[in-house]
Amino acid sequence: WRFIISPENGHDIEDFHGYVRGVMKLVEKDLQTSLTWTAAVHYDTDDVHAHVIVRGVNDRGEDLVIGQDYVKEGFRRRAQEVATELLGERSLDEIRKSQEKEVEALRVTSLDRFMANQMGDDRMLDVRAKTNFGKSIFYEGLIKGRLRFLAASGLAVEQPPGVYMLKKDYQDDLRAIAQKNEAVKRLYPKIQDHARLDGLSVYVMKDGQGPEVSGRIVDKGIMDELYDRKYVVV
């Protein structure tokens, strides 16, 4: 099993290794087994984060089975709990500012995860009422703002006004955009001495597919650390 622990304000956690150990102790308690795991902490990005690899065997020598619900929410909940213990509760103003940033974020956000739980197989969301999901007026405004942003980005269609159909697998599109933006951000200091950024092109191709590219390799590295996808700069 592989996953990433990336808490908000992780740069404020003095002992990040201890933080990860604290999270994994709670995970072991939840799964009722000791775990064999290792982790690497990365400080060289905007958000301090840890990559965790867990051996797929429990302490009885059986395959380690982790329920889908726990994979989806359990790890995140435990990471939040330990971060809160270390950093304290966030103020209402801090929470609101954090949520407001998600409205126009080109990545998968907590608003997207909430909306995914609200829509059916038709991928439709009706937000014509003042309150639609039993949330506060503030949160309802965030959801409506997020839907307007997704529609403007071509990831949703509004028809009729106030009724949105989300593009199929739009979260995958957001993840791809986020990866590309992260790659460009990482590459910027490495390529600015070699070429103008306005001439930058990003290609994604499988082995043996796409046009041949000739040139000098300036840099290479990991683009998606969870799945070991690499990049080269030519």
C-alpha atoms as a PDB file:
ATOM      1  CA  TRP A   1       0.000   0.000   0.000  1.00  0.00           C
ATOM      2  CA  ARG A   2       1.281   3.476  -0.880  1.00  0.00           C
ATOM      3  CA  PHE A   3      -0.120   6.837   0.100  1.00  0.00           C
ATOM      4  CA  ILE A   4       0.915  10.432   0.784  1.00  0.00           C
ATOM      5  CA  ILE A   5       0.413  12.346   4.041  1.00  0.00           C
ATOM      6  CA  SER A   6       0.295  16.067   3.271  1.00  0.00           C
ATOM      7  CA  PRO A   7      -1.298  18.143   6.047  1.00  0.00           C
ATOM      8  CA  GLU A   8      -2.241  21.767   5.634  1.00  0.00           C
ATOM      9  CA  ASN A   9       0.375  23.988   7.326  1.00  0.00           C
ATOM     10  CA  GLY A  10       2.693  20.987   7.507  1.00  0.00           C
ATOM     11  CA  HIS A  11       5.667  23.372   7.456  1.00  0.00           C
ATOM     12  CA  ASP A  12       4.634  24.416  10.993  1.00  0.00           C
ATOM     13  CA  ILE A  13       5.100  20.875  12.343  1.00  0.00           C
ATOM     14  CA  GLU A  14       8.581  20.824  13.856  1.00  0.00           C
ATOM     15  CA  ASP A  15       8.962  17.028  14.047  1.00  0.00           C
ATOM     16  CA  PHE A  16       7.347  15.816  10.833  1.00  0.00           C
ATOM     17  CA  HIS A  17       8.848  12.341  11.210  1.00  0.00           C
ATOM     18  CA  GLY A  18       7.233  12.084  14.648  1.00  0.00           C
ATOM     19  CA  TYR A  19       3.979  13.310  13.134  1.00  0.00           C
ATOM     20  CA  VAL A  20       4.000  10.494  10.574  1.00  0.00           C
ATOM     21  CA  ARG A  21       4.784   7.945  13.296  1.00  0.00           C
ATOM     22  CA  GLY A  22       1.825   9.253  15.298  1.00  0.00           C
ATOM     23  CA  VAL A  23      -0.505   8.865  12.336  1.00  0.00           C
ATOM     24  CA  MET A  24       0.668   5.319  11.648  1.00  0.00           C
ATOM     25  CA  LYS A  25       0.168   4.286  15.300  1.00  0.00           C
ATOM     26  CA  LEU A  26      -3.488   5.275  15.003  1.00  0.00           C
ATOM     27  CA  VAL A  27      -3.757   3.444  11.681  1.00  0.00           C
ATOM     28  CA  GLU A  28      -2.393   0.292  13.323  1.00  0.00           C
ATOM     29  CA  LYS A  29      -4.958   0.652  16.099  1.00  0.00           C
ATOM     30  CA  ASP A  30      -7.779   1.073  13.576  1.00  0.00           C
ATOM     31  CA  LEU A  31      -6.676  -1.915  11.483  1.00  0.00           C
ATOM     32  CA  GLN A  32      -5.972  -3.993  14.620  1.00  0.00           C
ATOM     33  CA  THR A  33      -2.566  -5.130  13.432  1.00  0.00           C
ATOM     34  CA  SER A  34       1.029  -3.998  13.624  1.00  0.00           C
ATOM     35  CA  LEU A  35       2.354  -2.797  10.286  1.00  0.00           C
ATOM     36  CA  THR A  36       5.695  -2.923   8.542  1.00  0.00           C
ATOM     37  CA  TRP A  37       6.128   0.437   6.847  1.00  0.00           C
ATOM     38  CA  THR A  38       8.640   3.039   5.773  1.00  0.00           C
ATOM     39  CA  ALA A  39       8.293   6.697   4.843  1.00  0.00           C
ATOM     40  CA  ALA A  40      10.246   9.502   3.202  1.00  0.00           C
ATOM     41  CA  VAL A  41       9.584  13.146   4.106  1.00  0.00           C
ATOM     42  CA  HIS A  42       9.960  15.783   1.391  1.00  0.00           C
ATOM     43  CA  TYR A  43      10.744  19.349   2.407  1.00  0.00           C
ATOM     44  CA  ASP A  44      11.629  20.576  -1.094  1.00  0.00           C
ATOM     45  CA  THR A  45       8.082  21.437  -2.223  1.00  0.00           C
ATOM     46  CA  ASP A  46       5.542  24.107  -1.287  1.00  0.00           C
ATOM     47  CA  ASP A  47       3.828  21.620   1.053  1.00  0.00           C
ATOM     48  CA  VAL A  48       5.863  19.376   3.346  1.00  0.00           C
ATOM     49  CA  HIS A  49       4.633  15.820   2.835  1.00  0.00           C
ATOM     50  CA  ALA A  50       5.545  12.195   3.447  1.00  0.00           C
ATOM     51  CA  HIS A  51       5.399   9.195   1.127  1.00  0.00           C
ATOM     52  CA  VAL A  52       4.434   6.067   3.064  1.00  0.00           C
ATOM     53  CA  ILE A  53       4.813   2.480   1.862  1.00  0.00           C
ATOM     54  CA  VAL A  54       3.123  -0.263   3.898  1.00  0.00           C
ATOM     55  CA  ARG A  55       3.933  -3.958   3.477  1.00  0.00           C
ATOM     56  CA  GLY A  56       0.804  -5.788   2.344  1.00  0.00           C
ATOM     57  CA  VAL A  57       0.911  -8.388   5.126  1.00  0.00           C
ATOM     58  CA  ASN A  58      -0.603  -8.168   8.619  1.00  0.00           C
ATOM     59  CA  ASP A  59       0.991  -9.437  11.838  1.00  0.00           C
ATOM     60  CA  ARG A  60      -0.652 -12.849  11.314  1.00  0.00           C
ATOM     61  CA  GLY A  61       1.078 -13.325   7.975  1.00  0.00           C
ATOM     62  CA  GLU A  62      -2.131 -12.789   5.994  1.00  0.00           C
ATOM     63  CA  ASP A  63      -2.782 -10.327   3.181  1.00  0.00           C
ATOM     64  CA  LEU A  64      -3.334  -6.846   4.584  1.00  0.00           C
ATOM     65  CA  VAL A  65      -6.905  -5.882   3.664  1.00  0.00           C
ATOM     66  CA  ILE A  66      -7.928  -2.241   4.086  1.00  0.00           C
ATOM     67  CA  GLY A  67     -11.577  -1.339   3.541  1.00  0.00           C
ATOM     68  CA  GLN A  68     -12.505   1.092   0.788  1.00  0.00           C
ATOM     69  CA  ASP A  69     -14.091   3.507   3.274  1.00  0.00           C
ATOM     70  CA  TYR A  70     -10.915   3.611   5.341  1.00  0.00           C
ATOM     71  CA  VAL A  71      -8.763   4.193   2.272  1.00  0.00           C
ATOM     72  CA  LYS A  72     -11.092   7.004   1.241  1.00  0.00           C
ATOM     73  CA  GLU A  73     -11.500   8.760   4.607  1.00  0.00           C
ATOM     74  CA  GLY A  74      -9.732   6.893   7.415  1.00  0.00           C
ATOM     75  CA  PHE A  75      -6.145   7.871   6.630  1.00  0.00           C
ATOM     76  CA  ARG A  76      -7.181  11.499   6.080  1.00  0.00           C
ATOM     77  CA  ARG A  77      -9.160  11.628   9.327  1.00  0.00           C
ATOM     78  CA  ARG A  78      -6.288  10.244  11.396  1.00  0.00           C
ATOM     79  CA  ALA A  79      -3.799  12.621   9.756  1.00  0.00           C
ATOM     80  CA  GLN A  80      -6.099  15.533  10.555  1.00  0.00           C
ATOM     81  CA  GLU A  81      -6.457  14.458  14.191  1.00  0.00           C
ATOM     82  CA  VAL A  82      -2.710  14.255  14.818  1.00  0.00           C
ATOM     83  CA  ALA A  83      -2.056  17.541  12.990  1.00  0.00           C
ATOM     84  CA  THR A  84      -4.724  19.220  15.133  1.00  0.00           C
ATOM     85  CA  GLU A  85      -3.087  17.875  18.304  1.00  0.00           C
ATOM     86  CA  LEU A  86       0.250  19.355  17.233  1.00  0.00           C
ATOM     87  CA  LEU A  87      -0.923  22.667  15.766  1.00  0.00           C
ATOM     88  CA  GLY A  88      -4.155  23.301  17.649  1.00  0.00           C
ATOM     89  CA  GLU A  89      -7.614  23.956  16.312  1.00  0.00           C
ATOM     90  CA  ARG A  90      -7.857  26.329  13.376  1.00  0.00           C
ATOM     91  CA  SER A  91      -9.931  29.438  13.871  1.00  0.00           C
ATOM     92  CA  LEU A  92     -13.178  29.841  11.952  1.00  0.00           C
ATOM     93  CA  ASP A  93     -11.529  32.594   9.924  1.00  0.00           C
ATOM     94  CA  GLU A  94      -8.613  30.309   8.966  1.00  0.00           C
ATOM     95  CA  ILE A  95     -10.998  27.546   7.932  1.00  0.00           C
ATOM     96  CA  ARG A  96     -13.064  29.919   5.799  1.00  0.00           C
ATOM     97  CA  LYS A  97     -10.002  31.369   4.077  1.00  0.00           C
ATOM     98  CA  SER A  98      -8.754  27.861   3.321  1.00  0.00           C
ATOM     99  CA  GLN A  99     -12.119  26.844   1.870  1.00  0.00           C
ATOM    100  CA  GLU A 100     -12.390  30.029  -0.201  1.00  0.00           C
ATOM    101  CA  LYS A 101      -9.071  29.177  -1.886  1.00  0.00           C
ATOM    102  CA  GLU A 102     -10.602  25.894  -3.045  1.00  0.00           C
ATOM    103  CA  VAL A 103     -13.301  27.574  -5.140  1.00  0.00           C
ATOM    104  CA  GLU A 104     -10.954  28.351  -8.042  1.00  0.00           C
ATOM    105  CA  ALA A 105      -8.244  25.766  -7.385  1.00  0.00           C
ATOM    106  CA  LEU A 106      -7.082  23.715 -10.364  1.00  0.00           C
ATOM    107  CA  ARG A 107      -6.843  20.528  -8.310  1.00  0.00           C
ATOM    108  CA  VAL A 108      -9.192  18.143  -6.543  1.00  0.00           C
ATOM    109  CA  THR A 109     -10.458  19.842  -3.375  1.00  0.00           C
ATOM    110  CA  SER A 110     -12.634  18.978  -0.387  1.00  0.00           C
ATOM    111  CA  LEU A 111     -15.476  20.748  -2.214  1.00  0.00           C
ATOM    112  CA  ASP A 112     -15.127  18.260  -5.081  1.00  0.00           C
ATOM    113  CA  ARG A 113     -15.161  15.318  -2.687  1.00  0.00           C
ATOM    114  CA  PHE A 114     -18.294  16.695  -1.020  1.00  0.00           C
ATOM    115  CA  MET A 115     -20.025  17.186  -4.368  1.00  0.00           C
ATOM    116  CA  ALA A 116     -19.097  13.660  -5.448  1.00  0.00           C
ATOM    117  CA  ASN A 117     -21.037  12.324  -2.455  1.00  0.00           C
ATOM    118  CA  GLN A 118     -24.084  14.435  -3.344  1.00  0.00           C
ATOM    119  CA  MET A 119     -24.572  13.635  -7.020  1.00  0.00           C
ATOM    120  CA  GLY A 120     -26.004  10.435  -8.475  1.00  0.00           C
ATOM    121  CA  ASP A 121     -25.067   8.390 -11.500  1.00  0.00           C
ATOM    122  CA  ASP A 122     -26.317  11.210 -13.741  1.00  0.00           C
ATOM    123  CA  ARG A 123     -23.570  13.480 -12.298  1.00  0.00           C
ATOM    124  CA  MET A 124     -26.171  16.249 -11.824  1.00  0.00           C
ATOM    125  CA  LEU A 125     -26.262  18.863  -9.056  1.00  0.00           C
ATOM    126  CA  ASP A 126     -29.214  21.219  -8.593  1.00  0.00           C
ATOM    127  CA  VAL A 127     -28.267  24.321  -6.582  1.00  0.00           C
ATOM    128  CA  ARG A 128     -31.226  26.564  -7.431  1.00  0.00           C
ATOM    129  CA  ALA A 129     -32.493  26.641  -3.840  1.00  0.00           C
ATOM    130  CA  LYS A 130     -30.985  28.904  -1.188  1.00  0.00           C
ATOM    131  CA  THR A 131     -29.769  25.833   0.702  1.00  0.00           C
ATOM    132  CA  ASN A 132     -29.436  22.497  -1.071  1.00  0.00           C
ATOM    133  CA  PHE A 133     -27.317  20.208   1.071  1.00  0.00           C
ATOM    134  CA  GLY A 134     -28.241  21.151   4.642  1.00  0.00           C
ATOM    135  CA  LYS A 135     -25.074  23.236   4.983  1.00  0.00           C
ATOM    136  CA  SER A 136     -24.503  26.843   6.025  1.00  0.00           C
ATOM    137  CA  ILE A 137     -25.172  29.686   3.606  1.00  0.00           C
ATOM    138  CA  PHE A 138     -21.405  30.257   3.461  1.00  0.00           C
ATOM    139  CA  TYR A 139     -20.672  26.665   2.436  1.00  0.00           C
ATOM    140  CA  GLU A 140     -23.531  26.667  -0.063  1.00  0.00           C
ATOM    141  CA  GLY A 141     -21.919  29.749  -1.625  1.00  0.00           C
ATOM    142  CA  LEU A 142     -18.607  27.904  -1.911  1.00  0.00           C
ATOM    143  CA  ILE A 143     -20.264  24.976  -3.695  1.00  0.00           C
ATOM    144  CA  LYS A 144     -22.049  27.289  -6.141  1.00  0.00           C
ATOM    145  CA  GLY A 145     -18.832  29.204  -6.768  1.00  0.00           C
ATOM    146  CA  ARG A 146     -16.950  25.958  -7.366  1.00  0.00           C
ATOM    147  CA  LEU A 147     -19.573  24.795  -9.876  1.00  0.00           C
ATOM    148  CA  ARG A 148     -19.417  28.106 -11.738  1.00  0.00           C
ATOM    149  CA  PHE A 149     -15.626  27.817 -11.905  1.00  0.00           C
ATOM    150  CA  LEU A 150     -15.797  24.233 -13.179  1.00  0.00           C
ATOM    151  CA  ALA A 151     -18.325  25.277 -15.814  1.00  0.00           C
ATOM    152  CA  ALA A 152     -16.080  28.142 -16.943  1.00  0.00           C
ATOM    153  CA  SER A 153     -13.178  25.684 -17.126  1.00  0.00           C
ATOM    154  CA  GLY A 154     -15.099  23.264 -19.349  1.00  0.00           C
ATOM    155  CA  LEU A 155     -15.395  20.623 -16.623  1.00  0.00           C
ATOM    156  CA  ALA A 156     -19.138  21.105 -16.061  1.00  0.00           C
ATOM    157  CA  VAL A 157     -22.175  22.250 -18.030  1.00  0.00           C
ATOM    158  CA  GLU A 158     -24.910  24.488 -16.590  1.00  0.00           C
ATOM    159  CA  GLN A 159     -28.262  23.672 -18.167  1.00  0.00           C
ATOM    160  CA  PRO A 160     -30.726  25.059 -17.107  1.00  0.00           C
ATOM    161  CA  PRO A 161     -29.375  27.864 -14.874  1.00  0.00           C
ATOM    162  CA  GLY A 162     -28.546  26.506 -11.444  1.00  0.00           C
ATOM    163  CA  VAL A 163     -28.406  22.874 -12.599  1.00  0.00           C
ATOM    164  CA  TYR A 164     -24.941  21.501 -13.351  1.00  0.00           C
ATOM    165  CA  MET A 165     -23.764  18.305 -14.983  1.00  0.00           C
ATOM    166  CA  LEU A 166     -20.186  17.458 -14.049  1.00  0.00           C
ATOM    167  CA  LYS A 167     -17.984  16.092 -16.809  1.00  0.00           C
ATOM    168  CA  LYS A 168     -17.343  12.387 -16.460  1.00  0.00           C
ATOM    169  CA  ASP A 169     -14.077  11.766 -14.601  1.00  0.00           C
ATOM    170  CA  TYR A 170     -13.551  15.529 -14.229  1.00  0.00           C
ATOM    171  CA  GLN A 171     -11.521  14.889 -11.082  1.00  0.00           C
ATOM    172  CA  ASP A 172      -9.025  12.941 -13.193  1.00  0.00           C
ATOM    173  CA  ASP A 173      -8.745  16.000 -15.448  1.00  0.00           C
ATOM    174  CA  LEU A 174      -8.096  18.179 -12.399  1.00  0.00           C
ATOM    175  CA  ARG A 175      -5.386  15.802 -11.186  1.00  0.00           C
ATOM    176  CA  ALA A 176      -3.719  15.901 -14.609  1.00  0.00           C
ATOM    177  CA  ILE A 177      -3.823  19.713 -14.638  1.00  0.00           C
ATOM    178  CA  ALA A 178      -2.407  19.850 -11.111  1.00  0.00           C
ATOM    179  CA  GLN A 179       0.427  17.505 -12.083  1.00  0.00           C
ATOM    180  CA  LYS A 180       1.261  19.597 -15.120  1.00  0.00           C
ATOM    181  CA  ASN A 181       1.252  22.838 -13.118  1.00  0.00           C
ATOM    182  CA  GLU A 182       3.390  21.236 -10.426  1.00  0.00           C
ATOM    183  CA  ALA A 183       5.834  20.016 -13.081  1.00  0.00           C
ATOM    184  CA  VAL A 184       6.130  23.495 -14.602  1.00  0.00           C
ATOM    185  CA  LYS A 185       6.638  24.991 -11.134  1.00  0.00           C
ATOM    186  CA  ARG A 186       9.368  22.454 -10.396  1.00  0.00           C
ATOM    187  CA  LEU A 187      11.038  22.938 -13.751  1.00  0.00           C
ATOM    188  CA  TYR A 188      11.040  26.736 -13.717  1.00  0.00           C
ATOM    189  CA  PRO A 189      14.296  27.245 -11.780  1.00  0.00           C
ATOM    190  CA  LYS A 190      15.960  24.469 -13.796  1.00  0.00           C
ATOM    191  CA  ILE A 191      15.095  25.729 -17.269  1.00  0.00           C
ATOM    192  CA  GLN A 192      15.149  29.507 -16.881  1.00  0.00           C
ATOM    193  CA  ASP A 193      18.880  29.555 -17.619  1.00  0.00           C
ATOM    194  CA  HIS A 194      18.370  27.488 -20.777  1.00  0.00           C
ATOM    195  CA  ALA A 195      15.214  28.735 -22.489  1.00  0.00           C
ATOM    196  CA  ARG A 196      12.401  31.248 -22.315  1.00  0.00           C
ATOM    197  CA  LEU A 197       9.357  29.946 -20.486  1.00  0.00           C
ATOM    198  CA  ASP A 198       6.970  31.234 -23.154  1.00  0.00           C
ATOM    199  CA  GLY A 199       8.385  28.593 -25.480  1.00  0.00           C
ATOM    200  CA  LEU A 200       7.737  25.751 -23.021  1.00  0.00           C
ATOM    201  CA  SER A 201       5.668  22.794 -24.211  1.00  0.00           C
ATOM    202  CA  VAL A 202       4.601  19.855 -22.050  1.00  0.00           C
ATOM    203  CA  TYR A 203       4.081  16.478 -23.738  1.00  0.00           C
ATOM    204  CA  VAL A 204       2.657  13.295 -22.280  1.00  0.00           C
ATOM    205  CA  MET A 205       3.315  10.175 -24.319  1.00  0.00           C
ATOM    206  CA  LYS A 206       3.709   6.451 -23.855  1.00  0.00           C
ATOM    207  CA  ASP A 207       6.833   4.595 -24.864  1.00  0.00           C
ATOM    208  CA  GLY A 208       7.064   4.299 -28.631  1.00  0.00           C
ATOM    209  CA  GLN A 209       4.215   6.740 -29.233  1.00  0.00           C
ATOM    210  CA  GLY A 210       4.247  10.383 -30.242  1.00  0.00           C
ATOM    211  CA  PRO A 211       6.791  12.341 -32.279  1.00  0.00           C
ATOM    212  CA  GLU A 212      10.518  11.944 -31.870  1.00  0.00           C
ATOM    213  CA  VAL A 213      12.102  14.747 -29.867  1.00  0.00           C
ATOM    214  CA  SER A 214      15.708  15.698 -30.483  1.00  0.00           C
ATOM    215  CA  GLY A 215      17.788  17.896 -28.217  1.00  0.00           C
ATOM    216  CA  ARG A 216      19.857  18.026 -25.079  1.00  0.00           C
ATOM    217  CA  ILE A 217      18.450  16.647 -21.822  1.00  0.00           C
ATOM    218  CA  VAL A 218      18.618  19.468 -19.277  1.00  0.00           C
ATOM    219  CA  ASP A 219      17.009  17.707 -16.332  1.00  0.00           C
ATOM    220  CA  LYS A 220      15.000  14.664 -15.281  1.00  0.00           C
ATOM    221  CA  GLY A 221      13.059  13.672 -12.192  1.00  0.00           C
ATOM    222  CA  ILE A 222       9.848  12.313 -10.665  1.00  0.00           C
ATOM    223  CA  MET A 223       6.585  13.896 -11.835  1.00  0.00           C
ATOM    224  CA  ASP A 224       4.183  11.718  -9.853  1.00  0.00           C
ATOM    225  CA  GLU A 225       5.912  10.270  -6.820  1.00  0.00           C
ATOM    226  CA  LEU A 226       3.005   8.053  -5.797  1.00  0.00           C
ATOM    227  CA  TYR A 227       3.010   6.170  -9.095  1.00  0.00           C
ATOM    228  CA  ASP A 228       6.690   6.682  -9.998  1.00  0.00           C
ATOM    229  CA  ARG A 229       5.980   8.629 -13.208  1.00  0.00           C
ATOM    230  CA  LYS A 230       9.060  10.442 -14.474  1.00  0.00           C
ATOM    231  CA  TYR A 231       9.774  13.438 -16.694  1.00  0.00           C
ATOM    232  CA  VAL A 232      12.658  14.720 -18.787  1.00  0.00           C
ATOM    233  CA  VAL A 233      13.373  18.270 -19.866  1.00  0.00           C
ATOM    234  CA  VAL A 234      14.746  18.515 -23.410  1.00  0.00           C
END
